[in-house]
Amino acid sequence: MAREDGIRITKRSVDALSVDTGDAVFWDRELRGFGVRVHSSGRKAYVVQTRGPGGRLKRVTLGRHGEMTSDAARRRAAEAIDRIRQGLEPFPAPPAPDPTVAELAARFMEMHVAKNCKPGTAVTFRQAVERHILPALGGLKVSEVERPHVADLHLAMRDTPSHANMTVDVLARMLRLAEAWGMTPPRRNPCSSVRRYRVKGRERFLSPEEYRSLGRVLAEAEAGGTCLPSGIAAIRLLALTGCRKSEILGLRWDDIDRTAGEIRIRDGKTGPRRVPLTPAVERVLAGIKRVEGSPWVMPGQGPGDHFKSIDNLWQRVRSLAGLEDVRIHDLRHSYASRALATGESLPMIGRLLGHGKVKTTARYAHLARDTERASAAKVGGSIGADILNGRDGEAA
């Protein structure tokens, strides 16, 4: 390849260039390393040749004359030469295509939810994504999602306000991760300014009479053999421990430490914890027939598996007990209510229930105040009977 020096590369000068055989490079006299290769066929291409750190020679073709102007080639050559001398690639990598919300959702479920969330949470997130977020926003680019899109999604779910709030929270988490993963440039999260619906907390606590009714129905079902014994035992343990449903259904016999007098919860919502093994709980555990070869306290109908769900059983039991408005999770709330009524403090109840945050237990604070008022009235009444006796006599 012949080499020629000293031309000023312009459209006119390049149009005039030709070689008889082979090819030759003509270099620009102003921008060192910028040239044009001319072939005997008449084809001409702009090129760059310069050395990077360490003296390594780098050659790059910029584009064909005619498809690229000489001025555009000069600008591109200056950029390429500067990058090569810094040890970089001649041209920056093209920006990644802007992902859609559907693509973000797939990565969110695979890289975040599957690795960091417990099974119950994963199911909830998947439902929010597949039933609501994808139908409404799946085809949008992530960078296109704005507050009006989120507000419309939220409004469309107004009949189920708690689910609407949760869905927006899931979308907000997705968009935060999209920014952390470099899928979208940093910006204000469009979910942050969408005002969530005010949802009144649902409180339902069993009274002593309702506890007795529930106990009677469970005893009748056990005696009549109309329900799986493990399902009946699970409901009793939920009522007696305040544990979460998943914590009881996932119990193994190895988790029962009678020497230490405790139940080890391996994978609670807030991590491992220990639950006191009370005499009442021991009575329930003693009545459970162990299945040979099964490690589960609540064995299911399938071999080697544990009881997966007691929702259908609870529907039947609560109907027979006249507790149609009681959810199975209300047994946990009722445990907290009874603990307060017997004088336990909020911090102690938080430990018994395995709360990870103080504010979670604080929802029962008003019950504590009710208990305090009742205790104050009881104590005040007792003292009043003595200290106000003379005054009553004078008034009489």
Foldseek 3Di string as FASTA:
>chain_A
DAEAEDDADFLVVLQPDADQAAKYWYAHPPDPQWTWIAHNVGWIWIKGWDAAPPRDIDIDTDGTDVVDGRVRSVVLRVQQRVQRNPVHHSDDDPDDPQAFVLVLLVCCLVVPCVVPHDPVVSVLLVCLCPVQVCVQGRGHGLQPDALVSLLVSLVVPVVPQVSSVVSLVSVQVSSVVCCVVVSDPDDDRRSPPRDGDDDDDDADADDPLLVVLLVVLLVVCVVVVVDDLLLSLLLQVCLVQLEDSCQQQAFFPVQCDVVVQWGWRQQGPQGIDIAGNDPSNVVSLVPQDDDPPERTSACDPDPNHTDDDCQVVVCVSCVSSVNNVDDSNNSSVNSLLVCLLVPDDLVVNCRSHVPPDSVVSCVCVVSNVVSVVVVCCVVCVVVCVPPCVVVVVVVD
